[in-house]
Amino acid sequence: IGARYYFSGFEAEEGAHTIKHDLDKPQNHNSVRDASGHGSHTASIAAGRYVWNMNFNGLGAGGARGGAPLARIAVYKSCWDSGCYDADLLAAFDDAMKDGVDIVSLSLGPNYPQGDYFLDAISIGSFHAVTHGIAVVTSVGNEVGCPTKEKTQTKKPGIS
């Protein structure tokens, strides 16, 4: 349906020189463009249309689709190669709430151990979204190695 990007938090924390340098990298476009493919990949898991006769290097031949192929997606790009910034994450949550989304799916998660959720932008944004009737789901993080119960349980309010 639409897409927005946010980098005022990035700009405030990193400064103009870093922004110019980072946005000149091929993986960082000063736009909603997804140069790394991460956001596009996760969006296709959620709402990808049916594809016939597909495979991965000759394996798993058949068809595939996302979980809800008729869903409409609104994209809020708030992370960059150098990381995610609280002001940008919170601005994206605010816009998602104003836009009337039904679900916020965050393809990012906290580092282990999880920090104080009273100071964490994902926790704060998620809490506000849930109080507005929006379901929030997030990844369990990107820790290397086998996930453990301690590493995969979120303590953030309202997040599945």
N, C-alpha and C. Protein backbone atom coordinates (compact mmCIF):
# COMPACT_ATOMS: atom_id res chain seq x y z
N ILE A 1 0.84 -1.19 0.00
CA ILE A 1 0.00 0.00 0.00
C ILE A 1 0.87 1.24 0.00
N GLY A 2 1.90 1.24 0.82
CA GLY A 2 2.76 2.41 0.89
C GLY A 2 4.01 2.12 1.69
N ALA A 3 4.92 3.08 1.64
CA ALA A 3 6.18 2.91 2.37
C ALA A 3 6.71 4.27 2.80
N ARG A 4 7.36 4.28 3.94
CA ARG A 4 8.00 5.49 4.47
C ARG A 4 9.36 5.10 5.04
N TYR A 5 10.22 6.08 5.14
CA TYR A 5 11.51 5.83 5.79
C TYR A 5 11.81 6.94 6.77
N TYR A 6 12.64 6.61 7.75
CA TYR A 6 12.94 7.52 8.86
C TYR A 6 14.44 7.52 9.10
N PHE A 7 15.02 8.70 9.20
CA PHE A 7 16.43 8.74 9.56
C PHE A 7 16.81 9.96 10.38
N SER A 8 15.84 10.63 10.99
CA SER A 8 16.18 11.79 11.82
C SER A 8 16.91 11.35 13.09
N GLY A 9 16.57 10.19 13.65
CA GLY A 9 17.30 9.66 14.80
C GLY A 9 18.71 9.29 14.42
N PHE A 10 18.85 8.64 13.28
CA PHE A 10 20.16 8.30 12.73
C PHE A 10 20.99 9.56 12.56
N GLU A 11 20.38 10.58 11.96
CA GLU A 11 21.06 11.86 11.72
C GLU A 11 21.50 12.52 13.02
N ALA A 12 20.62 12.52 14.02
CA ALA A 12 20.93 13.17 15.30
C ALA A 12 22.04 12.44 16.05
N GLU A 13 22.05 11.11 15.98
CA GLU A 13 23.04 10.35 16.73
C GLU A 13 24.38 10.21 16.01
N GLU A 14 24.35 10.15 14.70
CA GLU A 14 25.58 9.87 13.96
C GLU A 14 26.22 11.10 13.33
N GLY A 15 25.44 12.15 13.09
CA GLY A 15 25.98 13.36 12.49
C GLY A 15 25.97 13.33 10.97
N ALA A 16 26.05 14.50 10.38
CA ALA A 16 25.93 14.65 8.92
C ALA A 16 27.01 13.91 8.15
N HIS A 17 28.26 13.92 8.63
CA HIS A 17 29.34 13.25 7.91
C HIS A 17 29.08 11.74 7.80
N THR A 18 28.68 11.14 8.90
CA THR A 18 28.40 9.70 8.89
C THR A 18 27.23 9.39 7.98
N ILE A 19 26.22 10.22 8.01
CA ILE A 19 25.06 9.97 7.17
C ILE A 19 25.44 10.00 5.71
N LYS A 20 26.20 11.02 5.31
CA LYS A 20 26.63 11.11 3.91
C LYS A 20 27.41 9.86 3.55
N HIS A 21 28.33 9.43 4.41
CA HIS A 21 29.14 8.25 4.15
C HIS A 21 28.27 6.99 4.11
N ASP A 22 27.38 6.82 5.08
CA ASP A 22 26.55 5.62 5.13
C ASP A 22 25.54 5.57 3.99
N LEU A 23 24.91 6.69 3.65
CA LEU A 23 23.91 6.68 2.60
C LEU A 23 24.52 6.52 1.23
N ASP A 24 25.83 6.73 1.09
CA ASP A 24 26.51 6.48 -0.17
C ASP A 24 26.82 5.00 -0.38
N LYS A 25 26.73 4.20 0.68
CA LYS A 25 26.96 2.76 0.56
C LYS A 25 25.80 2.15 -0.22
N PRO A 26 26.09 1.14 -1.04
CA PRO A 26 25.01 0.55 -1.84
C PRO A 26 23.87 -0.03 -1.00
N GLN A 27 24.14 -0.51 0.20
CA GLN A 27 23.09 -1.12 1.01
C GLN A 27 22.23 -0.09 1.74
N ASN A 28 22.60 1.16 1.70
CA ASN A 28 21.82 2.22 2.36
C ASN A 28 21.40 3.24 1.33
N HIS A 29 20.12 3.27 1.04
CA HIS A 29 19.59 4.27 0.14
C HIS A 29 18.77 5.24 0.96
N ASN A 30 18.88 6.50 0.64
CA ASN A 30 18.12 7.53 1.32
C ASN A 30 16.69 7.48 0.80
N SER A 31 16.05 6.33 1.01
CA SER A 31 14.70 6.08 0.51
C SER A 31 14.16 4.84 1.20
N VAL A 32 12.98 4.41 0.78
CA VAL A 32 12.40 3.18 1.31
C VAL A 32 13.00 1.94 0.65
N ARG A 33 13.85 2.14 -0.32
CA ARG A 33 14.44 1.02 -1.06
C ARG A 33 15.14 0.04 -0.12
N ASP A 34 14.96 -1.23 -0.38
CA ASP A 34 15.51 -2.30 0.44
C ASP A 34 16.66 -2.95 -0.31
N ALA A 35 17.84 -2.40 -0.18
CA ALA A 35 18.98 -2.90 -0.94
C ALA A 35 19.51 -4.24 -0.43
N SER A 36 19.32 -4.54 0.86
CA SER A 36 19.85 -5.80 1.38
C SER A 36 18.88 -6.96 1.16
N GLY A 37 17.61 -6.66 0.93
CA GLY A 37 16.62 -7.70 0.69
C GLY A 37 15.93 -8.21 1.95
N HIS A 38 16.38 -7.78 3.11
CA HIS A 38 15.82 -8.29 4.37
C HIS A 38 14.34 -7.95 4.52
N GLY A 39 14.00 -6.71 4.32
CA GLY A 39 12.59 -6.30 4.45
C GLY A 39 11.71 -6.93 3.40
N SER A 40 12.18 -7.01 2.17
CA SER A 40 11.41 -7.65 1.10
C SER A 40 11.19 -9.13 1.40
N HIS A 41 12.23 -9.77 1.90
CA HIS A 41 12.14 -11.19 2.25
C HIS A 41 11.08 -11.42 3.33
N THR A 42 11.13 -10.64 4.39
CA THR A 42 10.18 -10.84 5.48
C THR A 42 8.76 -10.46 5.06
N ALA A 43 8.61 -9.46 4.19
CA ALA A 43 7.29 -9.10 3.69
C ALA A 43 6.71 -10.23 2.84
N SER A 44 7.55 -10.91 2.07
CA SER A 44 7.05 -12.01 1.24
C SER A 44 6.62 -13.19 2.11
N ILE A 45 7.25 -13.39 3.25
CA ILE A 45 6.81 -14.45 4.17
C ILE A 45 5.41 -14.12 4.68
N ALA A 46 5.16 -12.86 4.96
CA ALA A 46 3.86 -12.46 5.48
C ALA A 46 2.78 -12.44 4.40
N ALA A 47 3.06 -11.87 3.25
CA ALA A 47 1.99 -11.61 2.29
C ALA A 47 2.36 -11.93 0.84
N GLY A 48 3.35 -12.76 0.62
CA GLY A 48 3.74 -13.09 -0.74
C GLY A 48 2.65 -13.82 -1.51
N ARG A 49 2.45 -13.43 -2.77
CA ARG A 49 1.48 -14.10 -3.63
C ARG A 49 1.99 -15.48 -4.03
N TYR A 50 1.10 -16.32 -4.50
CA TYR A 50 1.47 -17.68 -4.87
C TYR A 50 2.40 -17.66 -6.08
N VAL A 51 3.45 -18.45 -6.01
CA VAL A 51 4.40 -18.60 -7.12
C VAL A 51 4.42 -20.08 -7.50
N TRP A 52 4.20 -20.36 -8.79
CA TRP A 52 4.21 -21.73 -9.30
C TRP A 52 5.62 -22.13 -9.70
N ASN A 53 5.89 -23.41 -9.70
CA ASN A 53 7.13 -23.98 -10.25
C ASN A 53 8.38 -23.28 -9.74
N MET A 54 8.50 -23.16 -8.47
CA MET A 54 9.71 -22.54 -7.91
C MET A 54 10.52 -23.61 -7.18
N ASN A 55 11.79 -23.30 -6.96
CA ASN A 55 12.67 -24.20 -6.22
C ASN A 55 13.87 -23.42 -5.73
N PHE A 56 14.65 -24.05 -4.90
CA PHE A 56 15.89 -23.45 -4.43
C PHE A 56 17.03 -24.35 -4.89
N ASN A 57 17.75 -23.90 -5.89
CA ASN A 57 18.86 -24.68 -6.45
C ASN A 57 18.44 -26.11 -6.79
N GLY A 58 17.25 -26.25 -7.35
CA GLY A 58 16.76 -27.55 -7.75
C GLY A 58 16.09 -28.34 -6.65
N LEU A 59 16.09 -27.85 -5.45
CA LEU A 59 15.49 -28.55 -4.32
C LEU A 59 14.14 -27.94 -3.96
N GLY A 60 13.27 -28.73 -3.37
CA GLY A 60 11.99 -28.22 -2.88
C GLY A 60 11.10 -27.69 -3.97
N ALA A 61 11.10 -28.33 -5.13
CA ALA A 61 10.29 -27.85 -6.25
C ALA A 61 8.81 -27.87 -5.91
N GLY A 62 8.11 -26.89 -6.39
CA GLY A 62 6.67 -26.80 -6.16
C GLY A 62 6.24 -25.36 -6.13
N GLY A 63 5.19 -25.08 -5.38
CA GLY A 63 4.69 -23.73 -5.24
C GLY A 63 4.93 -23.20 -3.84
N ALA A 64 4.82 -21.90 -3.71
CA ALA A 64 5.01 -21.29 -2.40
C ALA A 64 4.19 -20.00 -2.34
N ARG A 65 3.81 -19.65 -1.12
CA ARG A 65 3.11 -18.37 -0.90
C ARG A 65 3.38 -17.91 0.52
N GLY A 66 3.09 -16.65 0.78
CA GLY A 66 3.21 -16.11 2.13
C GLY A 66 2.03 -16.54 2.98
N GLY A 67 2.08 -16.19 4.24
CA GLY A 67 1.03 -16.58 5.18
C GLY A 67 -0.33 -16.00 4.88
N ALA A 68 -0.39 -14.79 4.35
CA ALA A 68 -1.65 -14.12 4.03
C ALA A 68 -1.48 -13.41 2.68
N PRO A 69 -1.56 -14.16 1.58
CA PRO A 69 -1.22 -13.59 0.28
C PRO A 69 -2.11 -12.44 -0.20
N LEU A 70 -3.26 -12.24 0.41
CA LEU A 70 -4.12 -11.12 0.02
C LEU A 70 -3.97 -9.92 0.95
N ALA A 71 -3.05 -10.01 1.90
CA ALA A 71 -2.83 -8.90 2.83
C ALA A 71 -2.21 -7.71 2.11
N ARG A 72 -2.44 -6.54 2.66
CA ARG A 72 -1.82 -5.32 2.15
C ARG A 72 -0.72 -4.92 3.11
N ILE A 73 0.41 -4.48 2.58
CA ILE A 73 1.58 -4.19 3.41
C ILE A 73 1.88 -2.69 3.39
N ALA A 74 2.15 -2.16 4.56
CA ALA A 74 2.69 -0.81 4.70
C ALA A 74 4.08 -0.98 5.31
N VAL A 75 5.07 -0.36 4.70
CA VAL A 75 6.46 -0.52 5.11
C VAL A 75 6.93 0.75 5.81
N TYR A 76 7.61 0.57 6.93
CA TYR A 76 8.16 1.69 7.70
C TYR A 76 9.63 1.37 7.94
N LYS A 77 10.50 1.84 7.05
CA LYS A 77 11.94 1.55 7.16
C LYS A 77 12.56 2.49 8.19
N SER A 78 13.06 1.89 9.28
CA SER A 78 13.62 2.71 10.36
C SER A 78 15.00 2.23 10.79
N CYS A 79 15.55 1.25 10.10
CA CYS A 79 16.89 0.75 10.43
C CYS A 79 17.82 0.92 9.23
N TRP A 80 19.06 1.12 9.54
CA TRP A 80 20.08 1.37 8.53
C TRP A 80 21.26 0.43 8.77
N ASP A 81 22.23 0.46 7.92
CA ASP A 81 23.39 -0.42 8.03
C ASP A 81 24.07 -0.27 9.39
N SER A 82 24.06 0.93 9.94
CA SER A 82 24.71 1.19 11.22
C SER A 82 23.83 0.85 12.41
N GLY A 83 22.57 0.51 12.19
CA GLY A 83 21.70 0.12 13.28
C GLY A 83 20.32 0.76 13.22
N CYS A 84 19.57 0.57 14.29
CA CYS A 84 18.24 1.14 14.44
C CYS A 84 18.30 2.19 15.53
N TYR A 85 17.60 3.27 15.34
CA TYR A 85 17.66 4.40 16.26
C TYR A 85 16.29 4.62 16.88
N ASP A 86 16.26 4.83 18.20
CA ASP A 86 15.01 4.92 18.94
C ASP A 86 14.02 5.91 18.35
N ALA A 87 14.49 7.10 18.02
CA ALA A 87 13.58 8.13 17.48
C ALA A 87 12.93 7.66 16.19
N ASP A 88 13.69 6.97 15.35
CA ASP A 88 13.15 6.48 14.08
C ASP A 88 12.16 5.34 14.31
N LEU A 89 12.48 4.42 15.22
CA LEU A 89 11.55 3.33 15.53
C LEU A 89 10.24 3.87 16.08
N LEU A 90 10.32 4.83 17.01
CA LEU A 90 9.10 5.37 17.61
C LEU A 90 8.28 6.17 16.60
N ALA A 91 8.94 6.89 15.70
CA ALA A 91 8.22 7.62 14.65
C ALA A 91 7.49 6.63 13.73
N ALA A 92 8.13 5.51 13.42
CA ALA A 92 7.49 4.50 12.58
C ALA A 92 6.28 3.90 13.28
N PHE A 93 6.40 3.59 14.57
CA PHE A 93 5.25 3.10 15.34
C PHE A 93 4.11 4.12 15.31
N ASP A 94 4.44 5.39 15.56
CA ASP A 94 3.41 6.43 15.56
C ASP A 94 2.68 6.49 14.22
N ASP A 95 3.43 6.46 13.13
CA ASP A 95 2.79 6.52 11.81
C ASP A 95 1.97 5.27 11.52
N ALA A 96 2.44 4.12 11.94
CA ALA A 96 1.67 2.89 11.74
C ALA A 96 0.33 2.98 12.47
N MET A 97 0.35 3.52 13.70
CA MET A 97 -0.90 3.68 14.45
C MET A 97 -1.83 4.67 13.75
N LYS A 98 -1.27 5.80 13.29
CA LYS A 98 -2.08 6.81 12.59
C LYS A 98 -2.65 6.25 11.29
N ASP A 99 -1.89 5.37 10.64
CA ASP A 99 -2.33 4.80 9.37
C ASP A 99 -3.37 3.70 9.55
N GLY A 100 -3.59 3.25 10.78
CA GLY A 100 -4.62 2.26 11.06
C GLY A 100 -4.24 0.83 10.72
N VAL A 101 -2.97 0.48 10.85
CA VAL A 101 -2.58 -0.90 10.57
C VAL A 101 -3.22 -1.84 11.59
N ASP A 102 -3.34 -3.10 11.22
CA ASP A 102 -3.89 -4.12 12.12
C ASP A 102 -2.80 -4.87 12.87
N ILE A 103 -1.65 -5.05 12.22
CA ILE A 103 -0.54 -5.81 12.79
C ILE A 103 0.76 -5.07 12.52
N VAL A 104 1.63 -5.02 13.51
CA VAL A 104 3.00 -4.55 13.32
C VAL A 104 3.90 -5.77 13.44
N SER A 105 4.63 -6.06 12.39
CA SER A 105 5.57 -7.17 12.40
C SER A 105 6.97 -6.59 12.33
N LEU A 106 7.71 -6.72 13.42
CA LEU A 106 9.07 -6.19 13.49
C LEU A 106 10.05 -7.29 13.14
N SER A 107 10.78 -7.08 12.09
CA SER A 107 11.79 -8.08 11.72
C SER A 107 13.11 -7.69 12.36
N LEU A 108 13.07 -7.50 13.64
CA LEU A 108 14.25 -7.20 14.44
C LEU A 108 13.91 -7.55 15.87
N GLY A 109 14.91 -7.73 16.66
CA GLY A 109 14.67 -8.09 18.05
C GLY A 109 15.80 -7.60 18.92
N PRO A 110 15.62 -7.74 20.21
CA PRO A 110 16.62 -7.24 21.15
C PRO A 110 17.84 -8.14 21.21
N ASN A 111 18.94 -7.57 21.60
CA ASN A 111 20.10 -8.39 21.92
C ASN A 111 19.85 -9.05 23.27
N TYR A 112 20.50 -10.16 23.50
CA TYR A 112 20.38 -10.86 24.77
C TYR A 112 21.50 -10.40 25.68
N PRO A 113 21.31 -10.11 26.93
CA PRO A 113 20.02 -10.10 27.60
C PRO A 113 19.24 -8.84 27.27
N GLN A 114 17.95 -8.97 27.32
CA GLN A 114 17.06 -7.86 26.99
C GLN A 114 17.21 -6.74 28.01
N GLY A 115 17.20 -5.52 27.53
CA GLY A 115 17.34 -4.36 28.41
C GLY A 115 16.05 -3.99 29.12
N ASP A 116 16.08 -2.91 29.81
CA ASP A 116 14.95 -2.38 30.56
C ASP A 116 13.86 -1.93 29.59
N TYR A 117 12.69 -2.54 29.68
CA TYR A 117 11.67 -2.18 28.71
C TYR A 117 11.06 -0.81 28.92
N PHE A 118 11.36 -0.15 30.02
CA PHE A 118 10.90 1.22 30.20
C PHE A 118 11.77 2.20 29.40
N LEU A 119 12.92 1.74 28.94
CA LEU A 119 13.84 2.59 28.17
C LEU A 119 14.02 2.11 26.74
N ASP A 120 13.38 1.02 26.36
CA ASP A 120 13.58 0.39 25.07
C ASP A 120 12.51 0.84 24.07
N ALA A 121 12.94 1.34 22.91
CA ALA A 121 12.00 1.88 21.92
C ALA A 121 11.04 0.82 21.40
N ILE A 122 11.52 -0.41 21.22
CA ILE A 122 10.62 -1.46 20.74
C ILE A 122 9.54 -1.73 21.78
N SER A 123 9.92 -1.80 23.05
CA SER A 123 8.94 -2.03 24.12
C SER A 123 7.93 -0.89 24.21
N ILE A 124 8.42 0.33 24.17
CA ILE A 124 7.54 1.49 24.30
C ILE A 124 6.59 1.58 23.11
N GLY A 125 7.13 1.46 21.90
CA GLY A 125 6.29 1.52 20.71
C GLY A 125 5.28 0.38 20.67
N SER A 126 5.72 -0.81 21.03
CA SER A 126 4.82 -1.97 21.04
C SER A 126 3.70 -1.80 22.05
N PHE A 127 4.05 -1.32 23.23
CA PHE A 127 3.04 -1.10 24.26
C PHE A 127 1.96 -0.14 23.77
N HIS A 128 2.39 0.96 23.16
CA HIS A 128 1.41 1.94 22.66
C HIS A 128 0.57 1.36 21.53
N ALA A 129 1.19 0.57 20.66
CA ALA A 129 0.44 -0.05 19.57
C ALA A 129 -0.62 -1.01 20.12
N VAL A 130 -0.23 -1.83 21.08
CA VAL A 130 -1.17 -2.79 21.67
C VAL A 130 -2.32 -2.07 22.36
N THR A 131 -2.04 -0.96 23.03
CA THR A 131 -3.13 -0.21 23.69
C THR A 131 -4.09 0.40 22.68
N HIS A 132 -3.67 0.48 21.40
CA HIS A 132 -4.54 0.96 20.33
C HIS A 132 -5.15 -0.21 19.55
N GLY A 133 -5.05 -1.43 20.08
CA GLY A 133 -5.67 -2.58 19.45
C GLY A 133 -4.88 -3.19 18.31
N ILE A 134 -3.60 -2.88 18.22
CA ILE A 134 -2.76 -3.40 17.14
C ILE A 134 -1.93 -4.56 17.68
N ALA A 135 -1.99 -5.69 16.99
CA ALA A 135 -1.17 -6.85 17.37
C ALA A 135 0.28 -6.58 16.97
N VAL A 136 1.21 -6.96 17.82
CA VAL A 136 2.64 -6.74 17.54
C VAL A 136 3.36 -8.08 17.65
N VAL A 137 4.13 -8.41 16.62
CA VAL A 137 4.97 -9.61 16.62
C VAL A 137 6.39 -9.18 16.28
N THR A 138 7.36 -9.91 16.81
CA THR A 138 8.75 -9.57 16.56
C THR A 138 9.57 -10.85 16.48
N SER A 139 10.76 -10.73 15.94
CA SER A 139 11.65 -11.88 15.89
C SER A 139 12.23 -12.12 17.27
N VAL A 140 12.85 -13.26 17.44
CA VAL A 140 13.47 -13.57 18.73
C VAL A 140 14.88 -13.02 18.80
N GLY A 141 15.33 -12.34 17.78
CA GLY A 141 16.67 -11.78 17.77
C GLY A 141 17.56 -12.51 16.80
N ASN A 142 18.80 -12.14 16.76
CA ASN A 142 19.74 -12.71 15.81
C ASN A 142 20.97 -13.27 16.50
N GLU A 143 20.77 -13.89 17.65
CA GLU A 143 21.89 -14.48 18.38
C GLU A 143 22.45 -15.68 17.62
N VAL A 144 23.74 -15.83 17.62
CA VAL A 144 24.39 -16.96 16.99
C VAL A 144 24.26 -18.17 17.90
N GLY A 145 24.05 -19.33 17.32
CA GLY A 145 23.93 -20.55 18.11
C GLY A 145 22.48 -20.93 18.32
N CYS A 146 22.28 -22.02 18.99
CA CYS A 146 20.93 -22.52 19.23
C CYS A 146 20.18 -21.59 20.17
N PRO A 147 18.94 -21.27 19.83
CA PRO A 147 18.15 -20.46 20.75
C PRO A 147 17.85 -21.24 22.03
N THR A 148 17.88 -20.56 23.13
CA THR A 148 17.51 -21.17 24.40
C THR A 148 16.23 -20.51 24.88
N LYS A 149 15.60 -21.11 25.86
CA LYS A 149 14.36 -20.56 26.40
C LYS A 149 14.57 -19.12 26.85
N GLU A 150 15.69 -18.86 27.51
CA GLU A 150 15.97 -17.52 28.01
C GLU A 150 16.15 -16.51 26.87
N LYS A 151 16.74 -16.95 25.78
CA LYS A 151 17.02 -16.04 24.67
C LYS A 151 15.81 -15.80 23.79
N THR A 152 14.83 -16.70 23.80
CA THR A 152 13.70 -16.56 22.88
C THR A 152 12.43 -16.04 23.52
N GLN A 153 12.40 -15.87 24.80
CA GLN A 153 11.21 -15.34 25.45
C GLN A 153 11.30 -13.83 25.55
N THR A 154 10.31 -13.17 25.00
CA THR A 154 10.29 -11.72 25.11
C THR A 154 9.65 -11.33 26.43
N LYS A 155 10.16 -10.30 27.00
CA LYS A 155 9.57 -9.75 28.22
C LYS A 155 8.90 -8.41 27.92
N LYS A 156 8.79 -8.11 26.65
CA LYS A 156 8.19 -6.85 26.24
C LYS A 156 6.67 -6.97 26.33
N PRO A 157 6.02 -5.94 26.85
CA PRO A 157 4.57 -5.99 27.04
C PRO A 157 3.82 -6.06 25.71
N GLY A 158 2.94 -7.06 25.60
CA GLY A 158 2.04 -7.14 24.45
C GLY A 158 2.63 -7.74 23.19
N ILE A 159 3.88 -8.17 23.20
CA ILE A 159 4.50 -8.71 21.99
C ILE A 159 4.38 -10.22 21.95
N SER A 160 4.02 -10.73 20.79
CA SER A 160 3.99 -12.18 20.57
C SER A 160 5.28 -12.61 19.95
